[in-house]
N, C-alpha and C. Protein backbone atom coordinates (compact mmCIF):
# COMPACT_ATOMS: atom_id res chain seq x y z
N MET A 1 36.86 -29.59 -8.00
CA MET A 1 36.41 -28.67 -6.97
C MET A 1 35.14 -27.99 -7.45
N PRO A 2 34.08 -27.87 -6.60
CA PRO A 2 32.85 -27.23 -7.04
C PRO A 2 33.04 -25.73 -7.27
N GLN A 3 32.33 -25.25 -8.23
CA GLN A 3 32.35 -23.82 -8.54
C GLN A 3 31.53 -23.06 -7.47
N PRO A 4 32.02 -21.88 -7.06
CA PRO A 4 31.22 -21.11 -6.07
C PRO A 4 29.89 -20.65 -6.71
N THR A 5 28.86 -20.66 -5.90
CA THR A 5 27.53 -20.24 -6.34
C THR A 5 27.52 -18.70 -6.28
N PRO A 6 27.08 -18.04 -7.37
CA PRO A 6 27.00 -16.58 -7.33
C PRO A 6 25.97 -16.16 -6.29
N PRO A 7 26.18 -15.00 -5.66
CA PRO A 7 25.23 -14.57 -4.63
C PRO A 7 23.85 -14.25 -5.27
N THR A 8 22.82 -14.61 -4.53
CA THR A 8 21.45 -14.34 -4.99
C THR A 8 21.14 -12.91 -4.60
N PRO A 9 20.55 -12.12 -5.52
CA PRO A 9 20.16 -10.75 -5.16
C PRO A 9 19.18 -10.76 -4.00
N ALA A 10 19.35 -9.83 -3.11
CA ALA A 10 18.47 -9.77 -1.94
C ALA A 10 17.03 -9.56 -2.39
N ILE A 11 16.12 -10.21 -1.71
CA ILE A 11 14.69 -10.05 -1.97
C ILE A 11 14.18 -8.98 -1.01
N PRO A 12 13.76 -7.82 -1.51
CA PRO A 12 13.31 -6.77 -0.62
C PRO A 12 11.95 -7.12 -0.01
N PRO A 13 11.74 -6.73 1.23
CA PRO A 13 10.46 -6.97 1.88
C PRO A 13 9.39 -6.05 1.28
N ALA A 14 8.15 -6.44 1.48
CA ALA A 14 7.00 -5.65 1.00
C ALA A 14 6.05 -5.40 2.15
N LEU A 15 5.26 -4.35 2.00
CA LEU A 15 4.16 -4.09 2.94
C LEU A 15 2.87 -4.18 2.13
N LEU A 16 1.88 -4.81 2.74
CA LEU A 16 0.50 -4.77 2.26
C LEU A 16 -0.26 -3.92 3.23
N CYS A 17 -0.76 -2.78 2.80
CA CYS A 17 -1.48 -1.86 3.67
C CYS A 17 -2.97 -1.91 3.33
N LEU A 18 -3.80 -1.95 4.37
CA LEU A 18 -5.24 -1.95 4.19
C LEU A 18 -5.77 -0.57 4.60
N CYS A 19 -6.66 -0.02 3.76
CA CYS A 19 -7.26 1.27 4.06
C CYS A 19 -8.67 1.27 3.48
N THR A 20 -9.64 1.67 4.28
CA THR A 20 -10.99 1.81 3.77
C THR A 20 -11.29 3.26 3.39
N CYS A 21 -12.15 3.43 2.38
CA CYS A 21 -12.54 4.71 1.87
C CYS A 21 -14.06 4.74 1.78
N PRO A 22 -14.66 5.93 1.85
CA PRO A 22 -16.14 6.00 1.85
C PRO A 22 -16.74 5.64 0.48
N ASP A 23 -15.98 5.77 -0.62
CA ASP A 23 -16.55 5.49 -1.94
C ASP A 23 -15.44 5.30 -2.97
N ALA A 24 -15.80 4.85 -4.14
CA ALA A 24 -14.84 4.54 -5.19
C ALA A 24 -14.10 5.81 -5.61
N ALA A 25 -14.76 6.96 -5.70
CA ALA A 25 -14.08 8.18 -6.14
C ALA A 25 -12.95 8.53 -5.17
N CYS A 26 -13.20 8.42 -3.89
CA CYS A 26 -12.19 8.71 -2.90
C CYS A 26 -11.04 7.72 -3.02
N GLY A 27 -11.35 6.44 -3.18
CA GLY A 27 -10.32 5.42 -3.33
C GLY A 27 -9.45 5.67 -4.56
N GLU A 28 -10.11 6.03 -5.66
CA GLU A 28 -9.39 6.29 -6.91
C GLU A 28 -8.43 7.50 -6.74
N ARG A 29 -8.95 8.53 -6.07
CA ARG A 29 -8.12 9.73 -5.87
C ARG A 29 -6.91 9.44 -5.03
N ILE A 30 -7.08 8.69 -3.95
CA ILE A 30 -5.96 8.32 -3.08
C ILE A 30 -4.98 7.40 -3.83
N ALA A 31 -5.51 6.40 -4.52
CA ALA A 31 -4.66 5.47 -5.29
C ALA A 31 -3.82 6.23 -6.31
N GLN A 32 -4.46 7.12 -7.06
CA GLN A 32 -3.74 7.92 -8.07
C GLN A 32 -2.60 8.71 -7.47
N ALA A 33 -2.84 9.38 -6.35
CA ALA A 33 -1.81 10.18 -5.70
C ALA A 33 -0.66 9.33 -5.20
N LEU A 34 -0.99 8.18 -4.57
CA LEU A 34 0.04 7.33 -4.05
C LEU A 34 0.92 6.77 -5.15
N LEU A 35 0.33 6.42 -6.28
CA LEU A 35 1.07 5.89 -7.41
C LEU A 35 1.91 6.97 -8.08
N GLU A 36 1.31 8.14 -8.30
CA GLU A 36 2.07 9.25 -8.94
C GLU A 36 3.28 9.66 -8.12
N GLU A 37 3.13 9.59 -6.76
CA GLU A 37 4.22 10.01 -5.88
C GLU A 37 5.14 8.85 -5.54
N ARG A 38 4.96 7.70 -6.16
CA ARG A 38 5.80 6.52 -5.97
C ARG A 38 5.80 6.05 -4.52
N LEU A 39 4.71 6.27 -3.83
CA LEU A 39 4.53 5.78 -2.46
C LEU A 39 3.95 4.37 -2.46
N ALA A 40 3.44 3.96 -3.58
CA ALA A 40 2.89 2.61 -3.76
C ALA A 40 3.22 2.16 -5.18
N ALA A 41 3.41 0.85 -5.31
CA ALA A 41 3.63 0.26 -6.66
C ALA A 41 2.31 -0.16 -7.27
N CYS A 42 1.34 -0.47 -6.45
CA CYS A 42 0.03 -0.95 -6.91
C CYS A 42 -0.99 -0.69 -5.82
N VAL A 43 -2.18 -0.31 -6.22
CA VAL A 43 -3.29 -0.18 -5.29
C VAL A 43 -4.48 -0.87 -5.90
N SER A 44 -4.99 -1.89 -5.21
CA SER A 44 -6.20 -2.56 -5.68
C SER A 44 -7.39 -2.04 -4.91
N LEU A 45 -8.47 -1.75 -5.60
CA LEU A 45 -9.68 -1.22 -5.00
C LEU A 45 -10.75 -2.34 -5.01
N LEU A 46 -11.24 -2.66 -3.82
CA LEU A 46 -12.23 -3.71 -3.67
C LEU A 46 -13.54 -3.05 -3.25
N PRO A 47 -14.50 -2.92 -4.14
CA PRO A 47 -15.78 -2.31 -3.79
C PRO A 47 -16.68 -3.31 -3.05
N GLY A 48 -17.76 -2.79 -2.53
CA GLY A 48 -18.79 -3.65 -1.92
C GLY A 48 -18.51 -4.07 -0.50
N LEU A 49 -17.59 -3.43 0.17
CA LEU A 49 -17.25 -3.75 1.55
C LEU A 49 -18.31 -3.18 2.48
N GLN A 50 -18.78 -3.96 3.42
CA GLN A 50 -19.69 -3.48 4.45
C GLN A 50 -18.95 -3.54 5.78
N SER A 51 -18.75 -2.37 6.39
CA SER A 51 -18.02 -2.28 7.65
C SER A 51 -19.01 -2.04 8.80
N VAL A 52 -18.78 -2.72 9.89
CA VAL A 52 -19.51 -2.52 11.13
C VAL A 52 -18.48 -2.27 12.18
N TYR A 53 -18.56 -1.15 12.87
CA TYR A 53 -17.53 -0.75 13.81
C TYR A 53 -18.11 0.13 14.91
N ARG A 54 -17.34 0.28 15.96
CA ARG A 54 -17.72 1.18 17.06
C ARG A 54 -16.94 2.49 16.85
N TRP A 55 -17.69 3.58 16.87
CA TRP A 55 -17.06 4.93 16.73
C TRP A 55 -17.70 5.86 17.70
N GLN A 56 -16.90 6.45 18.55
CA GLN A 56 -17.36 7.42 19.57
C GLN A 56 -18.54 6.86 20.36
N GLY A 57 -18.44 5.60 20.77
CA GLY A 57 -19.40 4.98 21.66
C GLY A 57 -20.63 4.40 20.99
N ALA A 58 -20.76 4.51 19.66
CA ALA A 58 -21.93 4.02 18.97
C ALA A 58 -21.53 3.00 17.89
N LEU A 59 -22.39 2.05 17.65
CA LEU A 59 -22.17 1.10 16.55
C LEU A 59 -22.53 1.79 15.24
N GLU A 60 -21.65 1.67 14.27
CA GLU A 60 -21.83 2.29 12.97
C GLU A 60 -21.79 1.21 11.87
N ARG A 61 -22.42 1.50 10.78
CA ARG A 61 -22.38 0.66 9.59
C ARG A 61 -22.11 1.56 8.40
N ALA A 62 -21.28 1.07 7.49
CA ALA A 62 -20.95 1.88 6.32
C ALA A 62 -20.61 0.99 5.12
N SER A 63 -21.01 1.44 3.96
CA SER A 63 -20.54 0.84 2.72
C SER A 63 -19.23 1.51 2.38
N GLU A 64 -18.19 0.75 2.12
CA GLU A 64 -16.87 1.32 1.87
C GLU A 64 -16.19 0.59 0.72
N VAL A 65 -15.06 1.16 0.32
CA VAL A 65 -14.17 0.53 -0.65
C VAL A 65 -12.88 0.25 0.09
N LEU A 66 -12.35 -0.96 -0.07
CA LEU A 66 -11.09 -1.33 0.57
C LEU A 66 -9.95 -1.16 -0.40
N LEU A 67 -8.94 -0.46 0.05
CA LEU A 67 -7.70 -0.31 -0.76
C LEU A 67 -6.68 -1.31 -0.23
N LEU A 68 -6.08 -2.06 -1.16
CA LEU A 68 -4.94 -2.95 -0.83
C LEU A 68 -3.74 -2.24 -1.46
N ILE A 69 -2.95 -1.63 -0.62
CA ILE A 69 -1.81 -0.77 -1.07
C ILE A 69 -0.53 -1.58 -0.91
N LYS A 70 0.21 -1.73 -2.03
CA LYS A 70 1.47 -2.45 -1.99
C LYS A 70 2.63 -1.48 -2.00
N THR A 71 3.47 -1.53 -0.98
CA THR A 71 4.59 -0.61 -0.85
C THR A 71 5.74 -1.30 -0.18
N THR A 72 6.71 -0.51 0.27
CA THR A 72 7.87 -1.06 0.98
C THR A 72 7.97 -0.40 2.36
N PRO A 73 8.67 -1.05 3.31
CA PRO A 73 8.84 -0.44 4.62
C PRO A 73 9.49 0.95 4.54
N ALA A 74 10.42 1.13 3.59
CA ALA A 74 11.08 2.44 3.48
C ALA A 74 10.11 3.55 3.08
N ARG A 75 9.09 3.23 2.32
CA ARG A 75 8.15 4.25 1.85
C ARG A 75 6.95 4.45 2.77
N TYR A 76 6.81 3.54 3.78
CA TYR A 76 5.63 3.62 4.63
C TYR A 76 5.48 4.93 5.36
N PRO A 77 6.50 5.53 5.99
CA PRO A 77 6.28 6.81 6.71
C PRO A 77 5.72 7.90 5.80
N ALA A 78 6.22 8.03 4.60
CA ALA A 78 5.72 9.04 3.67
C ALA A 78 4.30 8.70 3.21
N LEU A 79 4.05 7.40 3.00
CA LEU A 79 2.70 6.97 2.60
C LEU A 79 1.70 7.30 3.68
N GLU A 80 2.05 7.03 4.93
CA GLU A 80 1.15 7.34 6.05
C GLU A 80 0.82 8.82 6.12
N THR A 81 1.85 9.65 6.01
CA THR A 81 1.65 11.10 6.05
C THR A 81 0.73 11.56 4.93
N ARG A 82 1.01 11.07 3.72
CA ARG A 82 0.20 11.49 2.57
C ARG A 82 -1.22 10.99 2.64
N LEU A 83 -1.41 9.76 3.10
CA LEU A 83 -2.75 9.21 3.21
C LEU A 83 -3.59 9.99 4.22
N ARG A 84 -2.97 10.37 5.33
CA ARG A 84 -3.70 11.16 6.34
C ARG A 84 -4.11 12.52 5.73
N ALA A 85 -3.28 13.11 4.88
CA ALA A 85 -3.61 14.40 4.28
C ALA A 85 -4.72 14.26 3.22
N LEU A 86 -4.77 13.13 2.53
CA LEU A 86 -5.75 12.94 1.46
C LEU A 86 -7.08 12.38 1.93
N HIS A 87 -7.10 11.69 3.02
CA HIS A 87 -8.27 10.92 3.43
C HIS A 87 -9.32 11.81 4.12
N PRO A 88 -10.60 11.62 3.79
CA PRO A 88 -11.64 12.44 4.41
C PRO A 88 -12.01 12.05 5.82
N TYR A 89 -11.69 10.83 6.25
CA TYR A 89 -12.07 10.42 7.62
C TYR A 89 -11.23 11.11 8.67
N GLU A 90 -11.84 11.38 9.83
CA GLU A 90 -11.11 11.95 10.94
C GLU A 90 -9.99 11.00 11.36
N LEU A 91 -10.27 9.72 11.34
CA LEU A 91 -9.28 8.72 11.70
C LEU A 91 -9.31 7.60 10.64
N PRO A 92 -8.48 7.70 9.59
CA PRO A 92 -8.49 6.69 8.55
C PRO A 92 -7.92 5.36 9.06
N GLU A 93 -8.49 4.28 8.52
CA GLU A 93 -7.93 2.97 8.78
C GLU A 93 -6.66 2.82 7.97
N LEU A 94 -5.60 2.42 8.60
CA LEU A 94 -4.37 2.12 7.88
C LEU A 94 -3.63 1.06 8.71
N LEU A 95 -3.62 -0.17 8.18
CA LEU A 95 -2.90 -1.28 8.78
C LEU A 95 -1.91 -1.80 7.79
N ALA A 96 -0.70 -2.10 8.27
CA ALA A 96 0.37 -2.55 7.37
C ALA A 96 0.88 -3.94 7.84
N PHE A 97 1.03 -4.82 6.88
CA PHE A 97 1.53 -6.16 7.17
C PHE A 97 2.79 -6.39 6.31
N GLU A 98 3.87 -6.76 6.95
CA GLU A 98 5.13 -6.97 6.21
C GLU A 98 5.22 -8.42 5.74
N SER A 99 5.78 -8.57 4.55
CA SER A 99 6.05 -9.92 4.02
C SER A 99 7.41 -9.91 3.35
N SER A 100 8.20 -10.91 3.67
CA SER A 100 9.45 -11.10 2.97
C SER A 100 9.34 -12.30 2.06
N THR A 101 8.15 -12.84 1.96
CA THR A 101 7.92 -14.02 1.15
C THR A 101 6.96 -13.67 0.03
N GLY A 102 7.32 -14.03 -1.16
CA GLY A 102 6.51 -13.76 -2.32
C GLY A 102 7.31 -14.05 -3.55
N LEU A 103 6.70 -13.91 -4.70
CA LEU A 103 7.40 -14.12 -5.96
C LEU A 103 8.56 -13.14 -6.01
N PRO A 104 9.79 -13.59 -6.02
CA PRO A 104 10.95 -12.69 -5.98
C PRO A 104 10.91 -11.60 -7.04
N ALA A 105 10.53 -11.93 -8.26
CA ALA A 105 10.46 -10.92 -9.30
C ALA A 105 9.44 -9.83 -9.00
N TYR A 106 8.32 -10.24 -8.40
CA TYR A 106 7.29 -9.27 -8.03
C TYR A 106 7.81 -8.35 -6.92
N LEU A 107 8.47 -8.94 -5.92
CA LEU A 107 8.99 -8.12 -4.82
C LEU A 107 10.07 -7.14 -5.29
N ARG A 108 10.88 -7.55 -6.24
CA ARG A 108 11.89 -6.64 -6.81
C ARG A 108 11.20 -5.53 -7.64
N TRP A 109 10.15 -5.88 -8.39
CA TRP A 109 9.39 -4.90 -9.14
C TRP A 109 8.77 -3.86 -8.19
N LEU A 110 8.15 -4.36 -7.13
CA LEU A 110 7.54 -3.46 -6.14
C LEU A 110 8.56 -2.48 -5.58
N ALA A 111 9.73 -2.98 -5.22
CA ALA A 111 10.78 -2.11 -4.69
C ALA A 111 11.25 -1.10 -5.72
N ALA A 112 11.37 -1.55 -6.95
CA ALA A 112 11.82 -0.61 -8.02
C ALA A 112 10.77 0.46 -8.29
N GLU A 113 9.50 0.13 -8.24
CA GLU A 113 8.45 1.11 -8.53
C GLU A 113 8.24 2.11 -7.42
N THR A 114 8.72 1.81 -6.23
CA THR A 114 8.58 2.74 -5.09
C THR A 114 9.90 3.41 -4.76
N GLY A 115 10.92 3.07 -5.54
CA GLY A 115 12.24 3.65 -5.28
C GLY A 115 12.43 4.95 -6.05
N PRO A 116 13.61 5.50 -5.97
CA PRO A 116 13.88 6.75 -6.71
C PRO A 116 13.67 6.54 -8.21
N GLN A 117 13.12 7.54 -8.85
CA GLN A 117 12.83 7.45 -10.28
C GLN A 117 14.08 7.70 -11.08
N ASP A 118 14.30 6.90 -12.12
CA ASP A 118 15.44 7.05 -13.01
C ASP A 118 15.20 8.27 -13.88
N PRO A 119 16.05 9.31 -13.78
CA PRO A 119 15.82 10.53 -14.59
C PRO A 119 15.89 10.27 -16.09
N ALA A 120 16.54 9.20 -16.50
CA ALA A 120 16.66 8.90 -17.94
C ALA A 120 15.37 8.25 -18.48
N ALA A 121 14.50 7.78 -17.57
CA ALA A 121 13.28 7.08 -17.99
C ALA A 121 12.22 8.03 -18.43
């Protein structure tokens, strides 16, 4: 008789959030706060972004830094609130994309880094 297969630990979903900032200093400040507050497990800063957009009826162009913020669906509401408080733009860009597919160990690490902190650590 075949042996039962042990259950596989659940793979937690992840969110990849996109946010533009006016410069590297702003991006670093936001990234630092999100990481310190465990609202994100990782924030990648991509400099050299050129944005062209319509704002208040006019075409605008701006050099920006793109933040790739990795978090979980459970932490998104708090991340959104904090980002709005930290961001200098009147209307910050914040788009979130959910993924349940990825390297399982990475997804578990992401969930652990944005979860409650172990007081013994």
